Structures are given as C-alpha cells and as structure tokens.
Amino acid sequence: MSGTSLGGEQIVVKEKSFKLAASEIRQLVPKMGGCFATDRITVDGMRVGFMYREDPDFPEDSGWRFCAGDESDAYMDDSDNHGIYDVNTIANYDPEIISLLESPAGASFVRDPATGRLVADSGPA
C-alpha cells in the first residue's frame, strides 16, 4: 500500500501486481476511451466472462464494463477491486472482446459455459 496526501487527507492506494506488464500491452484496437474492469481480469488474469456497455459516465468513458463473471456483490462493492483502463488494455487481456466493441450502449455479453465463447446475454435464466 502507498499513501498520498490530498488536501491534508491521507489516501491509501492498494498497489496491484498486474498479470500483464505495461511492456506487454500492444495496440490491438483504435483509441475508444476508458472502461471499468475488475482485478479478476487485470490482476488474476481471468478471461472476460461478462461485459456490457452503458451510456458513458464522463467524456473519455467508452461505456464498457468488464468482469470475469464470478465477482460477488461484496467484491464489486470494494472499489479497490476494479479500476479504469483504456479499452485496448482489456483487449490485450482477452482479445475475444475485440469483435464486440462496436456494439451500442445496452449491449451485454456473457461467456457461454458450454462453448467458452462470449455470446449475447439473454438476461436472467
């Protein structure tokens, strides 16, 4: 953990050991902005198991959200367990997402346990 002072307040930042080093990230997709992704992908190296696109929260936001698919509510509630990344970074962790990145807001995809492929999410079973 490292600390930083912001306006006199101490902020503790959890240091992460990413599965891919910065030197391993290649340009796979054009610049499309930032996205949210969980540490299950970027730290643990899991493939994307669930991805969805919503309306962006800020101008540089692509609207994409990426999870491994096994994160609990408690895990997701802890902001230390996810971060904002360039979409290209997550494409390096799981290139299968690339063909789906032009999908509009409202799109969602889930990894089919039978085929291991990302497919359109039809909602709760």
N, C-alpha and C. Protein backbone atom coordinates (compact mmCIF):
# COMPACT_ATOMS: atom_id res chain seq x y z
N MET A 1 0.85 -1.18 0.00
CA MET A 1 0.00 0.00 0.00
C MET A 1 0.89 1.23 0.00
N SER A 2 0.42 2.25 -0.67
CA SER A 2 1.14 3.50 -0.64
C SER A 2 0.18 4.60 -0.26
N GLY A 3 0.71 5.66 0.31
CA GLY A 3 -0.13 6.76 0.76
C GLY A 3 0.20 8.04 0.04
N THR A 4 -0.81 8.86 -0.08
CA THR A 4 -0.66 10.14 -0.73
C THR A 4 -1.50 11.13 0.05
N SER A 5 -1.09 12.35 0.09
CA SER A 5 -1.85 13.37 0.80
C SER A 5 -2.60 14.23 -0.20
N LEU A 6 -3.88 14.40 0.04
CA LEU A 6 -4.72 15.23 -0.82
C LEU A 6 -5.48 16.19 0.07
N GLY A 7 -5.12 17.45 0.01
CA GLY A 7 -5.79 18.45 0.84
C GLY A 7 -5.68 18.15 2.31
N GLY A 8 -4.53 17.59 2.75
CA GLY A 8 -4.33 17.29 4.15
C GLY A 8 -4.88 15.93 4.57
N GLU A 9 -5.64 15.27 3.68
CA GLU A 9 -6.21 13.97 3.99
C GLU A 9 -5.33 12.87 3.41
N GLN A 10 -5.04 11.87 4.21
CA GLN A 10 -4.21 10.75 3.75
C GLN A 10 -5.08 9.78 2.95
N ILE A 11 -4.65 9.46 1.73
CA ILE A 11 -5.35 8.50 0.89
C ILE A 11 -4.44 7.29 0.72
N VAL A 12 -4.97 6.11 1.02
CA VAL A 12 -4.20 4.88 0.89
C VAL A 12 -4.61 4.20 -0.42
N VAL A 13 -3.61 3.88 -1.24
CA VAL A 13 -3.85 3.23 -2.52
C VAL A 13 -3.24 1.84 -2.47
N LYS A 14 -4.05 0.83 -2.76
CA LYS A 14 -3.57 -0.54 -2.79
C LYS A 14 -2.75 -0.75 -4.06
N GLU A 15 -1.51 -1.18 -3.91
CA GLU A 15 -0.68 -1.45 -5.08
C GLU A 15 -1.08 -2.79 -5.66
N LYS A 16 -1.16 -2.84 -6.99
CA LYS A 16 -1.60 -4.05 -7.67
C LYS A 16 -0.46 -4.64 -8.49
N SER A 17 -0.45 -5.94 -8.55
CA SER A 17 0.50 -6.66 -9.38
C SER A 17 -0.27 -7.18 -10.60
N PHE A 18 -0.18 -6.44 -11.70
CA PHE A 18 -0.96 -6.78 -12.88
C PHE A 18 -0.41 -8.02 -13.58
N LYS A 19 -1.31 -8.81 -14.15
CA LYS A 19 -0.93 -10.04 -14.85
C LYS A 19 -0.06 -9.72 -16.06
N LEU A 20 -0.36 -8.63 -16.78
CA LEU A 20 0.44 -8.20 -17.92
C LEU A 20 1.26 -6.97 -17.55
N ALA A 21 2.51 -6.98 -17.90
CA ALA A 21 3.35 -5.79 -17.70
C ALA A 21 3.00 -4.76 -18.77
N ALA A 22 3.24 -3.49 -18.48
CA ALA A 22 2.96 -2.42 -19.45
C ALA A 22 3.66 -2.70 -20.78
N SER A 23 4.85 -3.29 -20.73
CA SER A 23 5.61 -3.57 -21.95
C SER A 23 4.97 -4.67 -22.80
N GLU A 24 4.03 -5.42 -22.23
CA GLU A 24 3.35 -6.49 -22.97
C GLU A 24 2.08 -6.01 -23.67
N ILE A 25 1.66 -4.80 -23.38
CA ILE A 25 0.42 -4.27 -23.98
C ILE A 25 0.71 -3.78 -25.39
N ARG A 26 0.00 -4.37 -26.37
CA ARG A 26 0.13 -3.98 -27.78
C ARG A 26 -1.11 -3.20 -28.20
N GLN A 27 -0.98 -2.38 -29.22
CA GLN A 27 -2.14 -1.65 -29.74
C GLN A 27 -2.97 -2.60 -30.59
N LEU A 28 -4.10 -3.05 -30.07
CA LEU A 28 -4.97 -4.00 -30.76
C LEU A 28 -6.23 -3.36 -31.33
N VAL A 29 -6.67 -2.27 -30.68
CA VAL A 29 -7.89 -1.59 -31.13
C VAL A 29 -7.63 -0.09 -31.17
N PRO A 30 -8.37 0.63 -32.02
CA PRO A 30 -8.21 2.09 -32.04
C PRO A 30 -8.62 2.70 -30.70
N LYS A 31 -8.12 3.89 -30.43
CA LYS A 31 -8.50 4.60 -29.21
C LYS A 31 -10.01 4.72 -29.14
N MET A 32 -10.59 4.26 -28.04
CA MET A 32 -12.03 4.42 -27.87
C MET A 32 -12.39 4.89 -26.46
N GLY A 33 -11.39 5.16 -25.65
CA GLY A 33 -11.64 5.69 -24.32
C GLY A 33 -11.43 4.67 -23.23
N GLY A 34 -11.89 5.05 -22.05
CA GLY A 34 -11.70 4.22 -20.88
C GLY A 34 -12.84 3.25 -20.65
N CYS A 35 -12.60 2.33 -19.74
CA CYS A 35 -13.60 1.34 -19.35
C CYS A 35 -13.34 0.95 -17.91
N PHE A 36 -14.30 0.31 -17.31
CA PHE A 36 -14.14 -0.24 -15.97
C PHE A 36 -13.86 -1.73 -16.11
N ALA A 37 -12.92 -2.26 -15.34
CA ALA A 37 -12.63 -3.69 -15.34
C ALA A 37 -12.24 -4.11 -13.94
N THR A 38 -12.54 -5.36 -13.60
CA THR A 38 -12.22 -5.85 -12.27
C THR A 38 -10.82 -6.46 -12.22
N ASP A 39 -10.30 -6.55 -11.01
CA ASP A 39 -9.00 -7.17 -10.79
C ASP A 39 -8.99 -8.66 -11.13
N ARG A 40 -10.14 -9.29 -11.18
CA ARG A 40 -10.19 -10.70 -11.58
C ARG A 40 -9.60 -10.84 -12.98
N ILE A 41 -9.73 -9.80 -13.81
CA ILE A 41 -9.17 -9.81 -15.16
C ILE A 41 -7.74 -9.29 -15.14
N THR A 42 -7.54 -8.09 -14.62
CA THR A 42 -6.23 -7.42 -14.75
C THR A 42 -5.16 -7.92 -13.79
N VAL A 43 -5.56 -8.44 -12.65
CA VAL A 43 -4.59 -8.94 -11.66
C VAL A 43 -4.54 -10.47 -11.69
N ASP A 44 -5.72 -11.11 -11.67
CA ASP A 44 -5.77 -12.57 -11.61
C ASP A 44 -5.63 -13.23 -12.98
N GLY A 45 -5.82 -12.46 -14.05
CA GLY A 45 -5.64 -12.98 -15.40
C GLY A 45 -6.80 -13.80 -15.94
N MET A 46 -7.98 -13.66 -15.35
CA MET A 46 -9.15 -14.38 -15.83
C MET A 46 -9.63 -13.76 -17.14
N ARG A 47 -10.27 -14.56 -17.99
CA ARG A 47 -10.87 -14.03 -19.21
C ARG A 47 -12.13 -13.25 -18.85
N VAL A 48 -12.54 -12.37 -19.75
CA VAL A 48 -13.79 -11.63 -19.57
C VAL A 48 -14.92 -12.65 -19.61
N GLY A 49 -15.75 -12.65 -18.58
CA GLY A 49 -16.89 -13.57 -18.51
C GLY A 49 -18.21 -12.85 -18.68
N PHE A 50 -18.18 -11.54 -18.47
CA PHE A 50 -19.39 -10.72 -18.62
C PHE A 50 -18.94 -9.33 -19.01
N MET A 51 -19.54 -8.79 -20.05
CA MET A 51 -19.22 -7.43 -20.47
C MET A 51 -20.51 -6.76 -20.91
N TYR A 52 -20.61 -5.49 -20.59
CA TYR A 52 -21.79 -4.74 -21.02
C TYR A 52 -21.38 -3.30 -21.28
N ARG A 53 -22.21 -2.65 -22.10
CA ARG A 53 -21.94 -1.25 -22.43
C ARG A 53 -23.13 -0.42 -22.00
N GLU A 54 -22.83 0.65 -21.31
CA GLU A 54 -23.86 1.59 -20.88
C GLU A 54 -23.50 2.97 -21.40
N ASP A 55 -24.39 3.91 -21.20
CA ASP A 55 -24.08 5.28 -21.58
C ASP A 55 -22.87 5.73 -20.77
N PRO A 56 -21.94 6.43 -21.39
CA PRO A 56 -20.71 6.86 -20.68
C PRO A 56 -21.00 7.73 -19.47
N ASP A 57 -20.14 7.60 -18.45
CA ASP A 57 -20.25 8.41 -17.23
C ASP A 57 -19.51 9.73 -17.35
N PHE A 58 -18.55 9.83 -18.28
CA PHE A 58 -17.76 11.04 -18.47
C PHE A 58 -17.25 11.04 -19.91
N PRO A 59 -16.78 12.17 -20.43
CA PRO A 59 -16.44 12.27 -21.87
C PRO A 59 -15.46 11.21 -22.38
N GLU A 60 -14.49 10.81 -21.58
CA GLU A 60 -13.48 9.84 -22.05
C GLU A 60 -13.90 8.39 -21.82
N ASP A 61 -15.10 8.18 -21.31
CA ASP A 61 -15.61 6.84 -20.98
C ASP A 61 -16.23 6.20 -22.21
N SER A 62 -15.81 4.98 -22.54
CA SER A 62 -16.39 4.24 -23.66
C SER A 62 -17.75 3.66 -23.32
N GLY A 63 -18.03 3.54 -22.02
CA GLY A 63 -19.27 2.90 -21.58
C GLY A 63 -19.11 1.42 -21.29
N TRP A 64 -17.96 0.84 -21.66
CA TRP A 64 -17.75 -0.60 -21.45
C TRP A 64 -17.39 -0.92 -20.01
N ARG A 65 -17.95 -2.05 -19.52
CA ARG A 65 -17.69 -2.58 -18.20
C ARG A 65 -17.34 -4.06 -18.37
N PHE A 66 -16.23 -4.50 -17.76
CA PHE A 66 -15.75 -5.87 -17.94
C PHE A 66 -15.56 -6.56 -16.60
N CYS A 67 -16.10 -7.77 -16.49
CA CYS A 67 -15.96 -8.59 -15.28
C CYS A 67 -15.58 -10.01 -15.70
N ALA A 68 -15.01 -10.74 -14.77
CA ALA A 68 -14.73 -12.16 -15.04
C ALA A 68 -16.04 -12.95 -14.99
N GLY A 69 -16.99 -12.44 -14.23
CA GLY A 69 -18.30 -13.08 -14.14
C GLY A 69 -18.52 -13.84 -12.84
N ASP A 70 -17.48 -13.96 -12.02
CA ASP A 70 -17.63 -14.68 -10.75
C ASP A 70 -17.48 -13.76 -9.54
N GLU A 71 -17.48 -12.46 -9.78
CA GLU A 71 -17.32 -11.50 -8.68
C GLU A 71 -18.61 -11.44 -7.85
N SER A 72 -18.47 -11.45 -6.54
CA SER A 72 -19.62 -11.32 -5.64
C SER A 72 -20.01 -9.85 -5.52
N ASP A 73 -21.18 -9.61 -4.94
CA ASP A 73 -21.60 -8.23 -4.69
C ASP A 73 -20.61 -7.54 -3.76
N ALA A 74 -20.14 -8.26 -2.73
CA ALA A 74 -19.18 -7.68 -1.78
C ALA A 74 -17.88 -7.30 -2.51
N TYR A 75 -17.42 -8.16 -3.40
CA TYR A 75 -16.21 -7.88 -4.18
C TYR A 75 -16.42 -6.61 -5.01
N MET A 76 -17.56 -6.51 -5.68
CA MET A 76 -17.83 -5.35 -6.53
C MET A 76 -18.01 -4.07 -5.72
N ASP A 77 -18.48 -4.19 -4.49
CA ASP A 77 -18.68 -3.01 -3.64
C ASP A 77 -17.36 -2.42 -3.16
N ASP A 78 -16.27 -3.18 -3.23
CA ASP A 78 -14.97 -2.71 -2.79
C ASP A 78 -14.25 -2.07 -3.99
N SER A 79 -14.14 -0.76 -3.97
CA SER A 79 -13.56 -0.04 -5.12
C SER A 79 -12.09 -0.40 -5.36
N ASP A 80 -11.43 -1.02 -4.39
CA ASP A 80 -10.05 -1.47 -4.60
C ASP A 80 -9.97 -2.63 -5.59
N ASN A 81 -11.11 -3.26 -5.87
CA ASN A 81 -11.13 -4.45 -6.73
C ASN A 81 -11.38 -4.17 -8.20
N HIS A 82 -11.45 -2.92 -8.59
CA HIS A 82 -11.61 -2.60 -10.00
C HIS A 82 -10.99 -1.26 -10.29
N GLY A 83 -10.85 -0.97 -11.56
CA GLY A 83 -10.22 0.29 -11.95
C GLY A 83 -10.67 0.72 -13.33
N ILE A 84 -10.18 1.88 -13.74
CA ILE A 84 -10.47 2.42 -15.06
C ILE A 84 -9.24 2.19 -15.93
N TYR A 85 -9.45 1.60 -17.09
CA TYR A 85 -8.37 1.27 -18.01
C TYR A 85 -8.75 1.70 -19.42
N ASP A 86 -7.76 1.82 -20.29
CA ASP A 86 -8.02 2.00 -21.71
C ASP A 86 -8.62 0.69 -22.22
N VAL A 87 -9.61 0.77 -23.09
CA VAL A 87 -10.24 -0.43 -23.64
C VAL A 87 -9.19 -1.34 -24.28
N ASN A 88 -8.20 -0.75 -24.92
CA ASN A 88 -7.14 -1.53 -25.55
C ASN A 88 -6.42 -2.43 -24.53
N THR A 89 -6.25 -1.95 -23.32
CA THR A 89 -5.60 -2.76 -22.28
C THR A 89 -6.39 -4.03 -22.03
N ILE A 90 -7.70 -3.92 -21.90
CA ILE A 90 -8.53 -5.10 -21.62
C ILE A 90 -8.57 -6.01 -22.85
N ALA A 91 -8.50 -5.45 -24.05
CA ALA A 91 -8.42 -6.27 -25.26
C ALA A 91 -7.15 -7.12 -25.25
N ASN A 92 -6.09 -6.63 -24.64
CA ASN A 92 -4.86 -7.41 -24.52
C ASN A 92 -5.04 -8.57 -23.54
N TYR A 93 -5.84 -8.37 -22.53
CA TYR A 93 -6.10 -9.45 -21.57
C TYR A 93 -7.01 -10.52 -22.18
N ASP A 94 -7.94 -10.10 -23.02
CA ASP A 94 -8.87 -11.05 -23.65
C ASP A 94 -9.25 -10.55 -25.05
N PRO A 95 -8.47 -10.92 -26.07
CA PRO A 95 -8.72 -10.44 -27.44
C PRO A 95 -10.09 -10.82 -28.00
N GLU A 96 -10.77 -11.78 -27.40
CA GLU A 96 -12.09 -12.16 -27.90
C GLU A 96 -13.09 -11.00 -27.84
N ILE A 97 -12.86 -10.03 -26.99
CA ILE A 97 -13.80 -8.91 -26.87
C ILE A 97 -13.75 -7.98 -28.08
N ILE A 98 -12.67 -8.02 -28.84
CA ILE A 98 -12.45 -7.02 -29.90
C ILE A 98 -13.61 -6.97 -30.90
N SER A 99 -14.10 -8.09 -31.33
CA SER A 99 -15.18 -8.10 -32.34
C SER A 99 -16.50 -7.56 -31.80
N LEU A 100 -16.61 -7.38 -30.49
CA LEU A 100 -17.86 -6.92 -29.87
C LEU A 100 -17.83 -5.45 -29.47
N LEU A 101 -16.69 -4.82 -29.58
CA LEU A 101 -16.51 -3.46 -29.04
C LEU A 101 -17.29 -2.37 -29.74
N GLU A 102 -17.76 -2.60 -30.95
CA GLU A 102 -18.56 -1.59 -31.65
C GLU A 102 -20.05 -1.69 -31.30
N SER A 103 -20.41 -2.61 -30.42
CA SER A 103 -21.80 -2.77 -30.02
C SER A 103 -22.28 -1.51 -29.29
N PRO A 104 -23.57 -1.17 -29.44
CA PRO A 104 -24.09 0.06 -28.84
C PRO A 104 -24.33 -0.07 -27.34
N ALA A 105 -24.56 1.06 -26.70
CA ALA A 105 -24.97 1.07 -25.29
C ALA A 105 -26.21 0.19 -25.16
N GLY A 106 -26.25 -0.57 -24.09
CA GLY A 106 -27.35 -1.52 -23.86
C GLY A 106 -26.96 -2.95 -24.20
N ALA A 107 -25.88 -3.11 -24.95
CA ALA A 107 -25.42 -4.46 -25.31
C ALA A 107 -24.76 -5.12 -24.12
N SER A 108 -24.93 -6.43 -24.00
CA SER A 108 -24.24 -7.19 -22.96
C SER A 108 -23.95 -8.59 -23.49
N PHE A 109 -22.84 -9.13 -23.02
CA PHE A 109 -22.38 -10.43 -23.48
C PHE A 109 -21.91 -11.23 -22.27
N VAL A 110 -22.11 -12.53 -22.34
CA VAL A 110 -21.72 -13.43 -21.26
C VAL A 110 -20.98 -14.62 -21.88
N ARG A 111 -20.05 -15.18 -21.12
CA ARG A 111 -19.32 -16.34 -21.63
C ARG A 111 -20.20 -17.58 -21.46
N ASP A 112 -20.46 -18.25 -22.55
CA ASP A 112 -21.27 -19.47 -22.57
C ASP A 112 -20.42 -20.61 -21.99
N PRO A 113 -20.87 -21.21 -20.89
CA PRO A 113 -20.07 -22.28 -20.28
C PRO A 113 -19.92 -23.51 -21.19
N ALA A 114 -20.87 -23.72 -22.09
CA ALA A 114 -20.81 -24.89 -22.97
C ALA A 114 -19.76 -24.72 -24.08
N THR A 115 -19.65 -23.50 -24.62
CA THR A 115 -18.74 -23.27 -25.74
C THR A 115 -17.49 -22.50 -25.36
N GLY A 116 -17.54 -21.80 -24.23
CA GLY A 116 -16.42 -20.96 -23.81
C GLY A 116 -16.33 -19.66 -24.58
N ARG A 117 -17.34 -19.35 -25.39
CA ARG A 117 -17.33 -18.13 -26.22
C ARG A 117 -18.25 -17.07 -25.61
N LEU A 118 -17.94 -15.80 -25.89
CA LEU A 118 -18.82 -14.71 -25.48
C LEU A 118 -20.01 -14.65 -26.44
N VAL A 119 -21.21 -14.64 -25.86
CA VAL A 119 -22.45 -14.60 -26.65
C VAL A 119 -23.35 -13.51 -26.08
N ALA A 120 -24.30 -13.06 -26.90
CA ALA A 120 -25.24 -12.04 -26.45
C ALA A 120 -25.96 -12.55 -25.20
N ASP A 121 -26.07 -11.68 -24.21
CA ASP A 121 -26.69 -12.04 -22.93
C ASP A 121 -28.20 -11.93 -23.09
N SER A 122 -28.89 -13.01 -22.82
CA SER A 122 -30.36 -13.01 -22.96
C SER A 122 -31.05 -12.68 -21.65
N GLY A 123 -30.28 -12.30 -20.63
CA GLY A 123 -30.86 -11.92 -19.36
C GLY A 123 -30.90 -13.09 -18.38
N PRO A 124 -31.54 -12.88 -17.22
CA PRO A 124 -31.57 -13.91 -16.17
C PRO A 124 -32.21 -15.20 -16.69
N ALA A 125 -31.66 -16.31 -16.24
CA ALA A 125 -32.20 -17.62 -16.66
C ALA A 125 -33.46 -17.96 -15.92
